[in-house]
Amino acid sequence: MTWREVPANEVRQTLMAASVKSCSLDLLLSFLLRYCIDVIPPFLAAMVNVSLQDGNLPAAQKAAVVTSLLKVSLDLQDLRTTGRCPTCVAFQS
């Protein structure tokens, strides 16, 4: 499989389109990345291109933070009174 090279201007556009959120694994916070937006994209593009050409992702970039979401139980009485749920008809009888 062949990959096309990612140009620096495409990296810049992607960074600017992304939301300004950060994770505990981020080495550079999003707002700082945007502050350096005229300097960083060529370096990121080079890293992405080398990674795609070699087919290798550095071990330091193979990490994730996984958090569970709190499930909220639904009160069927609320669903019956609002009638906003399509399956409420089954509960109303």
PDB file of N, CA and C in Angstrom:
ATOM      1  N   MET A   1       0.850  -1.173   0.000  1.00  0.00           N
ATOM      2  CA  MET A   1       0.000   0.000   0.000  1.00  0.00           C
ATOM      3  C   MET A   1       0.895   1.235   0.000  1.00  0.00           C
ATOM      4  N   THR A   2       0.531   2.208  -0.781  1.00  0.00           N
ATOM      5  CA  THR A   2       1.302   3.444  -0.818  1.00  0.00           C
ATOM      6  C   THR A   2       0.485   4.576  -0.212  1.00  0.00           C
ATOM      7  N   TRP A   3       1.193   5.489   0.389  1.00  0.00           N
ATOM      8  CA  TRP A   3       0.575   6.649   1.013  1.00  0.00           C
ATOM      9  C   TRP A   3       1.046   7.904   0.306  1.00  0.00           C
ATOM     10  N   ARG A   4       0.186   8.860   0.209  1.00  0.00           N
ATOM     11  CA  ARG A   4       0.625  10.150  -0.319  1.00  0.00           C
ATOM     12  C   ARG A   4       1.205  10.954   0.839  1.00  0.00           C
ATOM     13  N   GLU A   5       2.171  11.778   0.529  1.00  0.00           N
ATOM     14  CA  GLU A   5       2.766  12.599   1.581  1.00  0.00           C
ATOM     15  C   GLU A   5       1.765  13.635   2.073  1.00  0.00           C
ATOM     16  N   VAL A   6       1.792  13.869   3.350  1.00  0.00           N
ATOM     17  CA  VAL A   6       0.914  14.861   3.960  1.00  0.00           C
ATOM     18  C   VAL A   6       1.649  16.196   3.944  1.00  0.00           C
ATOM     19  N   PRO A   7       1.112  17.196   3.223  1.00  0.00           N
ATOM     20  CA  PRO A   7       1.781  18.499   3.188  1.00  0.00           C
ATOM     21  C   PRO A   7       1.552  19.285   4.484  1.00  0.00           C
ATOM     22  N   ALA A   8       2.470  20.167   4.796  1.00  0.00           N
ATOM     23  CA  ALA A   8       2.402  20.958   6.031  1.00  0.00           C
ATOM     24  C   ALA A   8       1.138  21.812   6.085  1.00  0.00           C
ATOM     25  N   ASN A   9       0.691  22.322   4.934  1.00  0.00           N
ATOM     26  CA  ASN A   9      -0.510  23.165   4.968  1.00  0.00           C
ATOM     27  C   ASN A   9      -1.759  22.348   5.326  1.00  0.00           C
ATOM     28  N   GLU A  10      -1.790  21.065   4.963  1.00  0.00           N
ATOM     29  CA  GLU A  10      -2.910  20.201   5.344  1.00  0.00           C
ATOM     30  C   GLU A  10      -2.873  19.910   6.844  1.00  0.00           C
ATOM     31  N   VAL A  11      -1.687  19.735   7.385  1.00  0.00           N
ATOM     32  CA  VAL A  11      -1.540  19.542   8.831  1.00  0.00           C
ATOM     33  C   VAL A  11      -2.027  20.786   9.556  1.00  0.00           C
ATOM     34  N   ARG A  12      -1.655  21.952   9.049  1.00  0.00           N
ATOM     35  CA  ARG A  12      -2.079  23.222   9.660  1.00  0.00           C
ATOM     36  C   ARG A  12      -3.595  23.353   9.635  1.00  0.00           C
ATOM     37  N   GLN A  13      -4.210  23.043   8.501  1.00  0.00           N
ATOM     38  CA  GLN A  13      -5.673  23.126   8.384  1.00  0.00           C
ATOM     39  C   GLN A  13      -6.352  22.173   9.355  1.00  0.00           C
ATOM     40  N   THR A  14      -5.820  20.971   9.488  1.00  0.00           N
ATOM     41  CA  THR A  14      -6.394  19.983  10.401  1.00  0.00           C
ATOM     42  C   THR A  14      -6.282  20.452  11.848  1.00  0.00           C
ATOM     43  N   LEU A  15      -5.132  21.002  12.205  1.00  0.00           N
ATOM     44  CA  LEU A  15      -4.943  21.496  13.570  1.00  0.00           C
ATOM     45  C   LEU A  15      -5.884  22.648  13.887  1.00  0.00           C
ATOM     46  N   MET A  16      -6.077  23.532  12.934  1.00  0.00           N
ATOM     47  CA  MET A  16      -6.949  24.683  13.164  1.00  0.00           C
ATOM     48  C   MET A  16      -8.423  24.274  13.218  1.00  0.00           C
ATOM     49  N   ALA A  17      -8.782  23.196  12.529  1.00  0.00           N
ATOM     50  CA  ALA A  17     -10.172  22.731  12.526  1.00  0.00           C
ATOM     51  C   ALA A  17     -10.507  21.926  13.782  1.00  0.00           C
ATOM     52  N   ALA A  18      -9.498  21.402  14.444  1.00  0.00           N
ATOM     53  CA  ALA A  18      -9.721  20.574  15.639  1.00  0.00           C
ATOM     54  C   ALA A  18     -10.137  21.444  16.822  1.00  0.00           C
ATOM     55  N   SER A  19     -10.886  20.842  17.742  1.00  0.00           N
ATOM     56  CA  SER A  19     -11.302  21.573  18.935  1.00  0.00           C
ATOM     57  C   SER A  19     -10.102  21.776  19.862  1.00  0.00           C
ATOM     58  N   VAL A  20     -10.200  22.780  20.701  1.00  0.00           N
ATOM     59  CA  VAL A  20      -9.101  23.103  21.614  1.00  0.00           C
ATOM     60  C   VAL A  20      -9.307  22.326  22.908  1.00  0.00           C
ATOM     61  N   LYS A  21      -8.979  21.034  22.863  1.00  0.00           N
ATOM     62  CA  LYS A  21      -9.070  20.156  24.031  1.00  0.00           C
ATOM     63  C   LYS A  21      -7.721  19.497  24.236  1.00  0.00           C
ATOM     64  N   SER A  22      -7.463  19.111  25.453  1.00  0.00           N
ATOM     65  CA  SER A  22      -6.196  18.457  25.754  1.00  0.00           C
ATOM     66  C   SER A  22      -6.438  17.186  26.546  1.00  0.00           C
ATOM     67  N   CYS A  23      -5.452  16.336  26.532  1.00  0.00           N
ATOM     68  CA  CYS A  23      -5.496  15.051  27.219  1.00  0.00           C
ATOM     69  C   CYS A  23      -4.236  14.957  28.075  1.00  0.00           C
ATOM     70  N   SER A  24      -4.278  14.116  29.066  1.00  0.00           N
ATOM     71  CA  SER A  24      -3.107  13.962  29.936  1.00  0.00           C
ATOM     72  C   SER A  24      -1.898  13.412  29.190  1.00  0.00           C
ATOM     73  N   LEU A  25      -2.108  12.797  28.027  1.00  0.00           N
ATOM     74  CA  LEU A  25      -0.997  12.267  27.239  1.00  0.00           C
ATOM     75  C   LEU A  25      -0.383  13.301  26.290  1.00  0.00           C
ATOM     76  N   ASP A  26      -1.036  14.435  26.125  1.00  0.00           N
ATOM     77  CA  ASP A  26      -0.529  15.452  25.206  1.00  0.00           C
ATOM     78  C   ASP A  26       0.784  16.039  25.705  1.00  0.00           C
ATOM     79  N   LEU A  27       1.750  16.065  24.833  1.00  0.00           N
ATOM     80  CA  LEU A  27       3.033  16.673  25.187  1.00  0.00           C
ATOM     81  C   LEU A  27       2.976  18.193  25.050  1.00  0.00           C
ATOM     82  N   LEU A  28       2.068  18.658  24.213  1.00  0.00           N
ATOM     83  CA  LEU A  28       1.907  20.091  23.974  1.00  0.00           C
ATOM     84  C   LEU A  28       0.417  20.400  24.026  1.00  0.00           C
ATOM     85  N   LEU A  29       0.013  21.287  24.915  1.00  0.00           N
ATOM     86  CA  LEU A  29      -1.393  21.626  25.055  1.00  0.00           C
ATOM     87  C   LEU A  29      -1.914  22.289  23.782  1.00  0.00           C
ATOM     88  N   SER A  30      -3.189  22.092  23.502  1.00  0.00           N
ATOM     89  CA  SER A  30      -3.789  22.572  22.254  1.00  0.00           C
ATOM     90  C   SER A  30      -3.635  24.072  22.044  1.00  0.00           C
ATOM     91  N   PHE A  31      -3.847  24.849  23.092  1.00  0.00           N
ATOM     92  CA  PHE A  31      -3.755  26.292  22.908  1.00  0.00           C
ATOM     93  C   PHE A  31      -2.310  26.718  22.613  1.00  0.00           C
ATOM     94  N   LEU A  32      -1.321  25.996  23.149  1.00  0.00           N
ATOM     95  CA  LEU A  32       0.074  26.296  22.826  1.00  0.00           C
ATOM     96  C   LEU A  32       0.407  25.871  21.398  1.00  0.00           C
ATOM     97  N   LEU A  33      -0.177  24.775  20.972  1.00  0.00           N
ATOM     98  CA  LEU A  33       0.006  24.319  19.602  1.00  0.00           C
ATOM     99  C   LEU A  33      -0.516  25.358  18.621  1.00  0.00           C
ATOM    100  N   ARG A  34      -1.671  25.919  18.922  1.00  0.00           N
ATOM    101  CA  ARG A  34      -2.227  26.966  18.051  1.00  0.00           C
ATOM    102  C   ARG A  34      -1.393  28.243  18.110  1.00  0.00           C
ATOM    103  N   TYR A  35      -0.792  28.489  19.239  1.00  0.00           N
ATOM    104  CA  TYR A  35       0.067  29.678  19.370  1.00  0.00           C
ATOM    105  C   TYR A  35       1.282  29.547  18.448  1.00  0.00           C
ATOM    106  N   CYS A  36       1.769  28.325  18.257  1.00  0.00           N
ATOM    107  CA  CYS A  36       2.944  28.053  17.417  1.00  0.00           C
ATOM    108  C   CYS A  36       2.547  27.513  16.040  1.00  0.00           C
ATOM    109  N   ILE A  37       1.344  27.818  15.587  1.00  0.00           N
ATOM    110  CA  ILE A  37       0.795  27.193  14.392  1.00  0.00           C
ATOM    111  C   ILE A  37       1.601  27.477  13.123  1.00  0.00           C
ATOM    112  N   ASP A  38       2.392  28.509  13.106  1.00  0.00           N
ATOM    113  CA  ASP A  38       3.189  28.804  11.910  1.00  0.00           C
ATOM    114  C   ASP A  38       4.522  28.058  11.898  1.00  0.00           C
ATOM    115  N   VAL A  39       4.902  27.453  13.014  1.00  0.00           N
ATOM    116  CA  VAL A  39       6.189  26.773  13.125  1.00  0.00           C
ATOM    117  C   VAL A  39       6.043  25.246  13.153  1.00  0.00           C
ATOM    118  N   ILE A  40       5.030  24.747  13.819  1.00  0.00           N
ATOM    119  CA  ILE A  40       4.870  23.318  14.096  1.00  0.00           C
ATOM    120  C   ILE A  40       4.504  22.446  12.883  1.00  0.00           C
ATOM    121  N   PRO A  41       3.593  22.856  11.990  1.00  0.00           N
ATOM    122  CA  PRO A  41       3.123  21.946  10.933  1.00  0.00           C
ATOM    123  C   PRO A  41       4.198  21.273  10.077  1.00  0.00           C
ATOM    124  N   PRO A  42       5.279  21.940   9.666  1.00  0.00           N
ATOM    125  CA  PRO A  42       6.284  21.215   8.876  1.00  0.00           C
ATOM    126  C   PRO A  42       6.909  20.034   9.641  1.00  0.00           C
ATOM    127  N   PHE A  43       7.119  20.203  10.935  1.00  0.00           N
ATOM    128  CA  PHE A  43       7.699  19.128  11.742  1.00  0.00           C
ATOM    129  C   PHE A  43       6.710  17.977  11.932  1.00  0.00           C
ATOM    130  N   LEU A  44       5.440  18.306  12.191  1.00  0.00           N
ATOM    131  CA  LEU A  44       4.427  17.265  12.327  1.00  0.00           C
ATOM    132  C   LEU A  44       4.226  16.532  11.011  1.00  0.00           C
ATOM    133  N   ALA A  45       4.226  17.262   9.913  1.00  0.00           N
ATOM    134  CA  ALA A  45       4.073  16.631   8.597  1.00  0.00           C
ATOM    135  C   ALA A  45       5.226  15.665   8.343  1.00  0.00           C
ATOM    136  N   ALA A  46       6.439  16.065   8.683  1.00  0.00           N
ATOM    137  CA  ALA A  46       7.605  15.190   8.498  1.00  0.00           C
ATOM    138  C   ALA A  46       7.469  13.925   9.347  1.00  0.00           C
ATOM    139  N   MET A  47       7.022  14.067  10.601  1.00  0.00           N
ATOM    140  CA  MET A  47       6.846  12.905  11.477  1.00  0.00           C
ATOM    141  C   MET A  47       5.773  11.965  10.942  1.00  0.00           C
ATOM    142  N   VAL A  48       4.661  12.524  10.483  1.00  0.00           N
ATOM    143  CA  VAL A  48       3.572  11.703   9.942  1.00  0.00           C
ATOM    144  C   VAL A  48       4.043  10.973   8.690  1.00  0.00           C
ATOM    145  N   ASN A  49       4.731  11.687   7.807  1.00  0.00           N
ATOM    146  CA  ASN A  49       5.182  11.082   6.556  1.00  0.00           C
ATOM    147  C   ASN A  49       6.187   9.954   6.780  1.00  0.00           C
ATOM    148  N   VAL A  50       7.111  10.147   7.680  1.00  0.00           N
ATOM    149  CA  VAL A  50       8.093   9.092   7.985  1.00  0.00           C
ATOM    150  C   VAL A  50       7.391   7.882   8.597  1.00  0.00           C
ATOM    151  N   SER A  51       6.430   8.141   9.499  1.00  0.00           N
ATOM    152  CA  SER A  51       5.704   7.051  10.130  1.00  0.00           C
ATOM    153  C   SER A  51       4.921   6.250   9.092  1.00  0.00           C
ATOM    154  N   LEU A  52       4.272   6.942   8.150  1.00  0.00           N
ATOM    155  CA  LEU A  52       3.494   6.248   7.117  1.00  0.00           C
ATOM    156  C   LEU A  52       4.402   5.493   6.147  1.00  0.00           C
ATOM    157  N   GLN A  53       5.538   6.077   5.804  1.00  0.00           N
ATOM    158  CA  GLN A  53       6.463   5.414   4.874  1.00  0.00           C
ATOM    159  C   GLN A  53       7.074   4.162   5.502  1.00  0.00           C
ATOM    160  N   ASP A  54       7.442   4.262   6.757  1.00  0.00           N
ATOM    161  CA  ASP A  54       8.066   3.124   7.441  1.00  0.00           C
ATOM    162  C   ASP A  54       7.048   2.097   7.924  1.00  0.00           C
ATOM    163  N   GLY A  55       5.800   2.508   8.040  1.00  0.00           N
ATOM    164  CA  GLY A  55       4.777   1.613   8.576  1.00  0.00           C
ATOM    165  C   GLY A  55       4.984   1.351  10.048  1.00  0.00           C
ATOM    166  N   ASN A  56       5.551   2.324  10.740  1.00  0.00           N
ATOM    167  CA  ASN A  56       5.893   2.156  12.138  1.00  0.00           C
ATOM    168  C   ASN A  56       5.414   3.363  12.937  1.00  0.00           C
ATOM    169  N   LEU A  57       4.710   3.103  14.010  1.00  0.00           N
ATOM    170  CA  LEU A  57       4.294   4.148  14.925  1.00  0.00           C
ATOM    171  C   LEU A  57       5.161   4.041  16.170  1.00  0.00           C
ATOM    172  N   PRO A  58       5.837   5.116  16.561  1.00  0.00           N
ATOM    173  CA  PRO A  58       6.705   5.046  17.746  1.00  0.00           C
ATOM    174  C   PRO A  58       5.931   4.572  18.981  1.00  0.00           C
ATOM    175  N   ALA A  59       6.604   3.811  19.810  1.00  0.00           N
ATOM    176  CA  ALA A  59       5.977   3.247  21.010  1.00  0.00           C
ATOM    177  C   ALA A  59       5.393   4.333  21.911  1.00  0.00           C
ATOM    178  N   ALA A  60       6.026   5.482  21.955  1.00  0.00           N
ATOM    179  CA  ALA A  60       5.540   6.575  22.801  1.00  0.00           C
ATOM    180  C   ALA A  60       4.171   7.077  22.345  1.00  0.00           C
ATOM    181  N   GLN A  61       3.830   6.823  21.089  1.00  0.00           N
ATOM    182  CA  GLN A  61       2.544   7.280  20.566  1.00  0.00           C
ATOM    183  C   GLN A  61       1.483   6.174  20.579  1.00  0.00           C
ATOM    184  N   LYS A  62       1.787   5.040  21.169  1.00  0.00           N
ATOM    185  CA  LYS A  62       0.849   3.919  21.239  1.00  0.00           C
ATOM    186  C   LYS A  62       0.208   3.832  22.615  1.00  0.00           C
ATOM    187  N   ALA A  63      -0.286   4.946  23.094  1.00  0.00           N
ATOM    188  CA  ALA A  63      -0.920   4.976  24.407  1.00  0.00           C
ATOM    189  C   ALA A  63      -2.276   5.647  24.285  1.00  0.00           C
ATOM    190  N   ALA A  64      -3.173   5.297  25.194  1.00  0.00           N
ATOM    191  CA  ALA A  64      -4.509   5.883  25.192  1.00  0.00           C
ATOM    192  C   ALA A  64      -5.002   6.000  26.626  1.00  0.00           C
ATOM    193  N   VAL A  65      -5.855   6.963  26.837  1.00  0.00           N
ATOM    194  CA  VAL A  65      -6.531   7.109  28.111  1.00  0.00           C
ATOM    195  C   VAL A  65      -7.988   6.738  27.860  1.00  0.00           C
ATOM    196  N   VAL A  66      -8.453   5.705  28.555  1.00  0.00           N
ATOM    197  CA  VAL A  66      -9.814   5.233  28.372  1.00  0.00           C
ATOM    198  C   VAL A  66     -10.582   5.484  29.662  1.00  0.00           C
ATOM    199  N   THR A  67     -11.689   6.192  29.542  1.00  0.00           N
ATOM    200  CA  THR A  67     -12.527   6.447  30.707  1.00  0.00           C
ATOM    201  C   THR A  67     -13.930   5.941  30.412  1.00  0.00           C
ATOM    202  N   SER A  68     -14.576   5.450  31.441  1.00  0.00           N
ATOM    203  CA  SER A  68     -15.946   4.970  31.258  1.00  0.00           C
ATOM    204  C   SER A  68     -16.918   6.118  31.468  1.00  0.00           C
ATOM    205  N   LEU A  69     -18.039   6.036  30.798  1.00  0.00           N
ATOM    206  CA  LEU A  69     -19.079   7.037  30.940  1.00  0.00           C
ATOM    207  C   LEU A  69     -20.097   6.571  31.957  1.00  0.00           C
ATOM    208  N   LEU A  70     -20.618   7.490  32.710  1.00  0.00           N
ATOM    209  CA  LEU A  70     -21.634   7.181  33.699  1.00  0.00           C
ATOM    210  C   LEU A  70     -22.954   6.941  32.978  1.00  0.00           C
ATOM    211  N   LYS A  71     -23.546   5.782  33.194  1.00  0.00           N
ATOM    212  CA  LYS A  71     -24.846   5.488  32.593  1.00  0.00           C
ATOM    213  C   LYS A  71     -25.928   6.078  33.483  1.00  0.00           C
ATOM    214  N   VAL A  72     -26.839   6.778  32.844  1.00  0.00           N
ATOM    215  CA  VAL A  72     -27.945   7.381  33.581  1.00  0.00           C
ATOM    216  C   VAL A  72     -29.177   6.515  33.362  1.00  0.00           C
ATOM    217  N   SER A  73     -29.794   6.103  34.439  1.00  0.00           N
ATOM    218  CA  SER A  73     -31.011   5.293  34.291  1.00  0.00           C
ATOM    219  C   SER A  73     -32.183   6.216  33.971  1.00  0.00           C
ATOM    220  N   LEU A  74     -33.059   5.737  33.134  1.00  0.00           N
ATOM    221  CA  LEU A  74     -34.216   6.524  32.736  1.00  0.00           C
ATOM    222  C   LEU A  74     -35.395   6.234  33.652  1.00  0.00           C
ATOM    223  N   ASP A  75     -36.128   7.266  33.982  1.00  0.00           N
ATOM    224  CA  ASP A  75     -37.342   7.103  34.757  1.00  0.00           C
ATOM    225  C   ASP A  75     -38.490   6.948  33.766  1.00  0.00           C
ATOM    226  N   LEU A  76     -39.100   5.790  33.733  1.00  0.00           N
ATOM    227  CA  LEU A  76     -40.171   5.521  32.775  1.00  0.00           C
ATOM    228  C   LEU A  76     -41.355   6.459  32.966  1.00  0.00           C
ATOM    229  N   GLN A  77     -41.592   6.932  34.175  1.00  0.00           N
ATOM    230  CA  GLN A  77     -42.704   7.865  34.415  1.00  0.00           C
ATOM    231  C   GLN A  77     -42.470   9.163  33.629  1.00  0.00           C
ATOM    232  N   ASP A  78     -41.253   9.640  33.601  1.00  0.00           N
ATOM    233  CA  ASP A  78     -40.932  10.839  32.828  1.00  0.00           C
ATOM    234  C   ASP A  78     -41.165  10.608  31.341  1.00  0.00           C
ATOM    235  N   LEU A  79     -40.798   9.422  30.856  1.00  0.00           N
ATOM    236  CA  LEU A  79     -40.984   9.125  29.443  1.00  0.00           C
ATOM    237  C   LEU A  79     -42.472   9.082  29.090  1.00  0.00           C
ATOM    238  N   ARG A  80     -43.285   8.565  29.990  1.00  0.00           N
ATOM    239  CA  ARG A  80     -44.728   8.491  29.709  1.00  0.00           C
ATOM    240  C   ARG A  80     -45.342   9.877  29.657  1.00  0.00           C
ATOM    241  N   THR A  81     -44.916  10.762  30.522  1.00  0.00           N
ATOM    242  CA  THR A  81     -45.542  12.082  30.570  1.00  0.00           C
ATOM    243  C   THR A  81     -45.067  12.994  29.448  1.00  0.00           C
ATOM    244  N   THR A  82     -43.809  12.861  29.024  1.00  0.00           N
ATOM    245  CA  THR A  82     -43.322  13.735  27.962  1.00  0.00           C
ATOM    246  C   THR A  82     -43.680  13.199  26.591  1.00  0.00           C
ATOM    247  N   GLY A  83     -43.685  11.888  26.420  1.00  0.00           N
ATOM    248  CA  GLY A  83     -44.013  11.305  25.130  1.00  0.00           C
ATOM    249  C   GLY A  83     -42.986  11.588  24.058  1.00  0.00           C
ATOM    250  N   ARG A  84     -41.768  11.873  24.441  1.00  0.00           N
ATOM    251  CA  ARG A  84     -40.725  12.203  23.476  1.00  0.00           C
ATOM    252  C   ARG A  84     -39.970  10.983  22.971  1.00  0.00           C
ATOM    253  N   CYS A  85     -40.172   9.879  23.580  1.00  0.00           N
ATOM    254  CA  CYS A  85     -39.461   8.666  23.193  1.00  0.00           C
ATOM    255  C   CYS A  85     -40.350   7.845  22.279  1.00  0.00           C
ATOM    256  N   PRO A  86     -39.852   7.391  21.125  1.00  0.00           N
ATOM    257  CA  PRO A  86     -40.686   6.620  20.213  1.00  0.00           C
ATOM    258  C   PRO A  86     -41.207   5.312  20.808  1.00  0.00           C
ATOM    259  N   THR A  87     -40.509   4.776  21.792  1.00  0.00           N
ATOM    260  CA  THR A  87     -40.965   3.527  22.388  1.00  0.00           C
ATOM    261  C   THR A  87     -41.910   3.762  23.553  1.00  0.00           C
ATOM    262  N   CYS A  88     -42.250   5.007  23.831  1.00  0.00           N
ATOM    263  CA  CYS A  88     -43.128   5.319  24.965  1.00  0.00           C
ATOM    264  C   CYS A  88     -44.522   4.747  24.784  1.00  0.00           C
ATOM    265  N   VAL A  89     -44.952   4.578  23.551  1.00  0.00           N
ATOM    266  CA  VAL A  89     -46.283   4.053  23.294  1.00  0.00           C
ATOM    267  C   VAL A  89     -46.450   2.694  23.950  1.00  0.00           C
ATOM    268  N   ALA A  90     -45.422   1.891  23.930  1.00  0.00           N
ATOM    269  CA  ALA A  90     -45.484   0.553  24.523  1.00  0.00           C
ATOM    270  C   ALA A  90     -45.654   0.631  26.035  1.00  0.00           C
ATOM    271  N   PHE A  91     -45.106   1.652  26.656  1.00  0.00           N
ATOM    272  CA  PHE A  91     -45.173   1.775  28.110  1.00  0.00           C
ATOM    273  C   PHE A  91     -46.467   2.451  28.575  1.00  0.00           C
ATOM    274  N   GLN A  92     -47.150   3.143  27.668  1.00  0.00           N
ATOM    275  CA  GLN A  92     -48.334   3.893  28.077  1.00  0.00           C
ATOM    276  C   GLN A  92     -49.570   3.012  28.247  1.00  0.00           C
ATOM    277  N   SER A  93     -49.571   1.842  27.678  1.00  0.00           N
ATOM    278  CA  SER A  93     -50.767   0.991  27.760  1.00  0.00           C
ATOM    279  C   SER A  93     -50.863   0.234  29.060  1.00  0.00           C
TER     280      SER A  93
END
